[in-house]
């Protein structure tokens, strides 16, 4: 189905049966939704001052060999200072916390696997 045909039909489901067995490669950013959500794997890269807001970006290689991007924020960046590329880590989203000025920020635990 051509894009113009899809737009003209009003259909809300652009995914066809032809997509079965394929993986969406544009879904590479880890975005936790609930406290307790985790990602773990090997830290393969740290990128600094990325994008319009100059955020840090951490690339995690998971056990299935897929890589996921994790965007930094103040609390996560502070904890990632001690993590080196090559470390096996687990990042756990703890939820939102309220700062003294009434604003909120995201909080994370970062765990590093002990060397054997």
N, C-alpha and C. Protein backbone atom coordinates (compact mmCIF):
# COMPACT_ATOMS: atom_id res chain seq x y z
N UNK A 1 0.85 -1.18 0.00
CA UNK A 1 0.00 0.00 0.00
C UNK A 1 0.89 1.23 0.00
N UNK A 2 0.63 2.14 -0.89
CA UNK A 2 1.39 3.38 -0.97
C UNK A 2 1.01 4.29 0.18
N UNK A 3 1.92 5.18 0.56
CA UNK A 3 1.67 6.10 1.67
C UNK A 3 0.42 6.93 1.42
N UNK A 4 0.26 7.44 0.21
CA UNK A 4 -0.92 8.27 -0.09
C UNK A 4 -2.20 7.46 0.07
N UNK A 5 -2.15 6.17 -0.30
CA UNK A 5 -3.33 5.31 -0.12
C UNK A 5 -3.63 5.08 1.35
N UNK A 6 -2.58 4.88 2.14
CA UNK A 6 -2.75 4.69 3.58
C UNK A 6 -3.37 5.93 4.21
N UNK A 7 -2.86 7.10 3.84
CA UNK A 7 -3.37 8.35 4.41
C UNK A 7 -4.81 8.58 4.02
N UNK A 8 -5.20 8.17 2.83
CA UNK A 8 -6.56 8.40 2.36
C UNK A 8 -7.56 7.40 2.92
N UNK A 9 -7.12 6.24 3.40
CA UNK A 9 -8.06 5.25 3.92
C UNK A 9 -8.46 5.53 5.35
N UNK A 10 -7.66 6.31 6.09
CA UNK A 10 -7.96 6.58 7.48
C UNK A 10 -7.62 5.42 8.38
N UNK A 11 -6.94 4.43 7.86
CA UNK A 11 -6.56 3.27 8.66
C UNK A 11 -5.62 3.68 9.78
N UNK A 12 -5.76 3.04 10.92
CA UNK A 12 -4.88 3.35 12.05
C UNK A 12 -3.80 2.30 12.22
N UNK A 13 -3.74 1.32 11.33
CA UNK A 13 -2.77 0.24 11.47
C UNK A 13 -1.87 0.15 10.23
N UNK A 14 -0.73 0.89 10.23
CA UNK A 14 0.14 0.86 9.06
C UNK A 14 0.99 -0.40 8.97
N UNK A 15 1.00 -1.23 10.01
CA UNK A 15 1.84 -2.42 10.02
C UNK A 15 1.13 -3.52 9.23
N UNK A 16 1.85 -4.10 8.29
CA UNK A 16 1.25 -5.16 7.49
C UNK A 16 1.80 -6.51 7.91
N UNK A 17 1.21 -7.56 7.39
CA UNK A 17 1.69 -8.91 7.67
C UNK A 17 3.10 -9.11 7.15
N UNK A 18 3.52 -8.29 6.20
CA UNK A 18 4.86 -8.38 5.64
C UNK A 18 5.93 -8.07 6.68
N UNK A 19 5.58 -7.43 7.80
CA UNK A 19 6.54 -7.05 8.82
C UNK A 19 6.79 -8.15 9.85
N UNK A 20 6.04 -9.22 9.82
CA UNK A 20 6.24 -10.28 10.80
C UNK A 20 7.63 -10.89 10.64
N UNK A 21 8.32 -11.04 11.76
CA UNK A 21 9.67 -11.58 11.73
C UNK A 21 10.75 -10.53 11.60
N UNK A 22 10.35 -9.26 11.50
CA UNK A 22 11.30 -8.15 11.39
C UNK A 22 11.34 -7.38 12.70
N UNK A 23 12.48 -6.78 12.99
CA UNK A 23 12.66 -6.01 14.22
C UNK A 23 12.77 -4.54 13.86
N UNK A 24 12.07 -3.68 14.61
CA UNK A 24 12.14 -2.24 14.41
C UNK A 24 13.45 -1.72 14.99
N UNK A 25 14.38 -1.29 14.14
CA UNK A 25 15.69 -0.85 14.61
C UNK A 25 15.69 0.57 15.13
N UNK A 26 14.60 1.29 14.95
CA UNK A 26 14.55 2.66 15.44
C UNK A 26 14.18 2.74 16.92
N UNK A 27 13.90 1.60 17.52
CA UNK A 27 13.49 1.57 18.92
C UNK A 27 14.67 1.17 19.79
N UNK A 28 15.72 2.01 19.80
CA UNK A 28 16.94 1.63 20.49
C UNK A 28 17.14 2.36 21.81
N UNK A 29 16.26 3.26 22.16
CA UNK A 29 16.42 4.02 23.40
C UNK A 29 15.64 3.36 24.53
N UNK A 30 16.32 3.13 25.65
CA UNK A 30 15.65 2.58 26.83
C UNK A 30 14.93 3.71 27.53
N UNK A 31 13.64 3.57 27.72
CA UNK A 31 12.82 4.58 28.38
C UNK A 31 12.00 3.91 29.47
N UNK A 32 12.51 3.92 30.70
CA UNK A 32 11.75 3.27 31.78
C UNK A 32 10.43 3.99 32.03
N UNK A 33 9.44 3.22 32.38
CA UNK A 33 8.12 3.79 32.64
C UNK A 33 7.70 3.67 34.09
N UNK A 34 8.18 2.61 34.77
CA UNK A 34 7.73 2.35 36.13
C UNK A 34 8.93 2.14 37.05
N UNK A 35 8.84 2.58 38.29
CA UNK A 35 9.92 2.27 39.24
C UNK A 35 10.19 0.77 39.25
N UNK A 36 11.45 0.42 39.22
CA UNK A 36 11.85 -0.98 39.17
C UNK A 36 12.27 -1.44 37.78
N UNK A 37 11.91 -0.69 36.73
CA UNK A 37 12.35 -1.05 35.39
C UNK A 37 13.87 -1.03 35.35
N UNK A 38 14.47 -2.04 34.71
CA UNK A 38 15.93 -2.14 34.67
C UNK A 38 16.43 -2.44 33.28
N UNK A 39 17.70 -2.12 33.08
CA UNK A 39 18.44 -2.53 31.90
C UNK A 39 19.80 -2.95 32.41
N UNK A 40 20.35 -4.01 31.81
CA UNK A 40 21.68 -4.44 32.23
C UNK A 40 22.46 -4.94 31.03
N UNK A 41 23.77 -4.84 31.18
CA UNK A 41 24.67 -5.30 30.13
C UNK A 41 26.01 -4.60 30.26
N UNK A 42 26.79 -4.67 29.19
CA UNK A 42 28.12 -4.06 29.17
C UNK A 42 28.03 -2.63 28.66
N UNK A 43 28.65 -1.71 29.39
CA UNK A 43 28.73 -0.34 28.91
C UNK A 43 29.76 -0.31 27.80
N UNK A 44 29.33 -0.03 26.58
CA UNK A 44 30.25 -0.05 25.44
C UNK A 44 30.68 1.34 24.99
N UNK A 45 29.94 2.36 25.42
CA UNK A 45 30.32 3.71 25.01
C UNK A 45 29.65 4.75 25.90
N UNK A 46 30.39 5.83 26.16
CA UNK A 46 29.85 7.02 26.80
C UNK A 46 30.00 8.16 25.80
N UNK A 47 28.90 8.86 25.55
CA UNK A 47 28.93 10.01 24.64
C UNK A 47 28.54 11.23 25.46
N UNK A 48 29.24 12.34 25.22
CA UNK A 48 29.01 13.54 26.02
C UNK A 48 28.53 14.70 25.14
N UNK A 49 27.72 15.57 25.76
CA UNK A 49 27.24 16.79 25.11
C UNK A 49 26.54 16.51 23.78
N UNK A 50 25.57 15.60 23.84
CA UNK A 50 24.84 15.18 22.65
C UNK A 50 23.53 15.98 22.54
N UNK A 51 23.24 16.42 21.35
CA UNK A 51 21.96 17.06 21.06
C UNK A 51 21.86 18.50 21.52
N UNK A 52 20.68 19.02 21.35
CA UNK A 52 20.39 20.43 21.65
C UNK A 52 20.66 20.77 23.11
N UNK A 53 20.41 19.82 24.02
CA UNK A 53 20.53 20.09 25.45
C UNK A 53 21.85 19.58 26.04
N UNK A 54 22.75 19.10 25.19
CA UNK A 54 24.08 18.64 25.63
C UNK A 54 24.01 17.57 26.72
N UNK A 55 23.16 16.59 26.52
CA UNK A 55 23.03 15.49 27.48
C UNK A 55 24.08 14.42 27.21
N UNK A 56 24.32 13.59 28.21
CA UNK A 56 25.18 12.42 28.04
C UNK A 56 24.32 11.26 27.55
N UNK A 57 24.98 10.34 26.84
CA UNK A 57 24.30 9.16 26.32
C UNK A 57 25.18 7.96 26.62
N UNK A 58 24.58 6.90 27.16
CA UNK A 58 25.30 5.69 27.51
C UNK A 58 24.78 4.55 26.63
N UNK A 59 25.69 3.81 26.01
CA UNK A 59 25.30 2.71 25.14
C UNK A 59 25.57 1.40 25.88
N UNK A 60 24.50 0.62 26.07
CA UNK A 60 24.56 -0.62 26.82
C UNK A 60 24.35 -1.79 25.85
N UNK A 61 25.28 -2.74 25.84
CA UNK A 61 25.14 -3.96 25.04
C UNK A 61 24.56 -5.04 25.93
N UNK A 62 23.37 -5.50 25.58
CA UNK A 62 22.67 -6.49 26.40
C UNK A 62 23.10 -7.91 26.05
N UNK A 63 22.64 -8.86 26.82
CA UNK A 63 23.01 -10.27 26.63
C UNK A 63 22.63 -10.81 25.26
N UNK A 64 21.59 -10.24 24.64
CA UNK A 64 21.17 -10.70 23.31
C UNK A 64 21.94 -10.01 22.19
N UNK A 65 23.02 -9.29 22.56
CA UNK A 65 23.89 -8.55 21.64
C UNK A 65 23.26 -7.30 21.04
N UNK A 66 22.05 -6.94 21.46
CA UNK A 66 21.47 -5.68 21.01
C UNK A 66 22.02 -4.56 21.88
N UNK A 67 22.11 -3.38 21.31
CA UNK A 67 22.58 -2.20 22.05
C UNK A 67 21.41 -1.27 22.27
N UNK A 68 21.34 -0.70 23.46
CA UNK A 68 20.30 0.27 23.80
C UNK A 68 20.96 1.54 24.30
N UNK A 69 20.40 2.67 23.92
CA UNK A 69 20.88 3.96 24.38
C UNK A 69 20.13 4.34 25.65
N UNK A 70 20.86 4.91 26.59
CA UNK A 70 20.26 5.41 27.83
C UNK A 70 20.66 6.87 27.96
N UNK A 71 19.69 7.76 27.91
CA UNK A 71 19.97 9.19 28.04
C UNK A 71 20.27 9.53 29.49
N UNK A 72 21.29 10.34 29.69
CA UNK A 72 21.66 10.77 31.03
C UNK A 72 20.78 11.87 31.56
N UNK A 73 20.82 12.02 32.85
CA UNK A 73 20.19 13.13 33.56
C UNK A 73 21.08 13.38 34.78
N UNK A 74 20.80 14.39 35.53
CA UNK A 74 21.70 14.79 36.62
C UNK A 74 22.06 13.62 37.54
N UNK A 75 21.06 12.94 38.08
CA UNK A 75 21.32 11.86 39.05
C UNK A 75 22.03 10.67 38.40
N UNK A 76 21.61 10.31 37.21
CA UNK A 76 22.24 9.18 36.53
C UNK A 76 23.68 9.51 36.14
N UNK A 77 23.91 10.70 35.64
CA UNK A 77 25.27 11.10 35.24
C UNK A 77 26.24 11.04 36.42
N UNK A 78 25.80 11.48 37.58
CA UNK A 78 26.66 11.45 38.77
C UNK A 78 27.06 10.01 39.12
N UNK A 79 26.11 9.10 39.02
CA UNK A 79 26.39 7.71 39.36
C UNK A 79 27.22 7.02 38.27
N UNK A 80 27.08 7.44 37.03
CA UNK A 80 27.82 6.84 35.93
C UNK A 80 29.27 7.33 35.88
N UNK A 81 29.61 8.38 36.65
CA UNK A 81 30.99 8.86 36.70
C UNK A 81 31.96 7.76 37.11
N UNK A 82 31.52 6.85 37.96
CA UNK A 82 32.39 5.79 38.47
C UNK A 82 32.41 4.55 37.58
N UNK A 83 31.60 4.54 36.53
CA UNK A 83 31.50 3.38 35.65
C UNK A 83 32.40 3.60 34.44
N UNK A 84 33.15 2.55 34.09
CA UNK A 84 34.06 2.62 32.95
C UNK A 84 33.51 1.79 31.79
N UNK A 85 33.86 2.18 30.57
CA UNK A 85 33.53 1.38 29.40
C UNK A 85 34.09 -0.02 29.63
N UNK A 86 33.28 -1.04 29.37
CA UNK A 86 33.66 -2.43 29.59
C UNK A 86 33.07 -3.01 30.86
N UNK A 87 32.60 -2.16 31.78
CA UNK A 87 31.96 -2.64 33.01
C UNK A 87 30.60 -3.25 32.69
N UNK A 88 30.25 -4.29 33.43
CA UNK A 88 28.91 -4.88 33.35
C UNK A 88 28.08 -4.17 34.42
N UNK A 89 26.98 -3.56 33.98
CA UNK A 89 26.19 -2.74 34.90
C UNK A 89 24.71 -3.08 34.81
N UNK A 90 24.01 -2.63 35.83
CA UNK A 90 22.54 -2.67 35.85
C UNK A 90 22.07 -1.28 36.27
N UNK A 91 21.18 -0.71 35.48
CA UNK A 91 20.56 0.58 35.82
C UNK A 91 19.11 0.30 36.17
N UNK A 92 18.70 0.75 37.35
CA UNK A 92 17.33 0.56 37.82
C UNK A 92 16.69 1.92 38.03
N UNK A 93 15.56 2.13 37.37
CA UNK A 93 14.80 3.36 37.53
C UNK A 93 14.06 3.32 38.86
N UNK A 94 14.26 4.34 39.69
CA UNK A 94 13.63 4.38 41.01
C UNK A 94 12.38 5.25 41.04
N UNK A 95 12.17 6.06 40.02
CA UNK A 95 11.01 6.93 39.98
C UNK A 95 11.42 8.39 40.05
N UNK A 96 10.43 9.22 40.33
CA UNK A 96 10.67 10.66 40.44
C UNK A 96 10.83 11.04 41.90
N UNK A 97 11.72 12.00 42.15
CA UNK A 97 11.85 12.57 43.49
C UNK A 97 11.65 14.07 43.38
N UNK A 98 11.15 14.66 44.45
CA UNK A 98 10.91 16.09 44.47
C UNK A 98 12.08 16.80 45.13
N UNK A 99 12.60 17.80 44.42
CA UNK A 99 13.72 18.59 44.94
C UNK A 99 13.18 19.64 45.92
N UNK A 100 14.09 20.29 46.62
CA UNK A 100 13.69 21.29 47.62
C UNK A 100 12.95 22.48 47.00
N UNK A 101 13.17 22.73 45.71
CA UNK A 101 12.49 23.86 45.06
C UNK A 101 11.13 23.46 44.49
N UNK A 102 10.71 22.21 44.75
CA UNK A 102 9.41 21.76 44.29
C UNK A 102 9.43 21.10 42.92
N UNK A 103 10.53 21.24 42.20
CA UNK A 103 10.66 20.58 40.90
C UNK A 103 10.95 19.10 41.12
N UNK A 104 10.75 18.29 40.08
CA UNK A 104 11.05 16.87 40.22
C UNK A 104 12.25 16.51 39.35
N UNK A 105 12.86 15.37 39.68
CA UNK A 105 13.89 14.80 38.82
C UNK A 105 13.80 13.29 38.92
N UNK A 106 14.39 12.63 37.94
CA UNK A 106 14.39 11.17 37.90
C UNK A 106 15.52 10.63 38.75
N UNK A 107 15.27 9.48 39.39
CA UNK A 107 16.30 8.86 40.23
C UNK A 107 16.57 7.44 39.75
N UNK A 108 17.82 7.04 39.85
CA UNK A 108 18.27 5.73 39.38
C UNK A 108 19.22 5.11 40.38
N UNK A 109 19.27 3.78 40.40
CA UNK A 109 20.35 3.03 41.03
C UNK A 109 21.24 2.55 39.90
N UNK A 110 22.54 2.57 40.11
CA UNK A 110 23.48 2.00 39.16
C UNK A 110 24.31 0.97 39.92
N UNK A 111 24.28 -0.26 39.47
CA UNK A 111 25.04 -1.34 40.10
C UNK A 111 26.08 -1.84 39.11
N UNK A 112 27.25 -2.16 39.63
CA UNK A 112 28.35 -2.65 38.82
C UNK A 112 28.65 -4.09 39.26
N UNK A 113 28.76 -4.99 38.29
CA UNK A 113 29.03 -6.39 38.61
C UNK A 113 30.49 -6.53 39.05
N UNK A 114 30.67 -7.26 40.14
CA UNK A 114 32.03 -7.50 40.65
C UNK A 114 32.80 -8.32 39.65
N UNK A 115 34.09 -8.03 39.55
CA UNK A 115 34.99 -8.82 38.70
C UNK A 115 35.20 -10.17 39.34
N UNK A 116 35.19 -11.21 38.55
CA UNK A 116 35.34 -12.58 39.05
C UNK A 116 36.79 -12.93 39.27
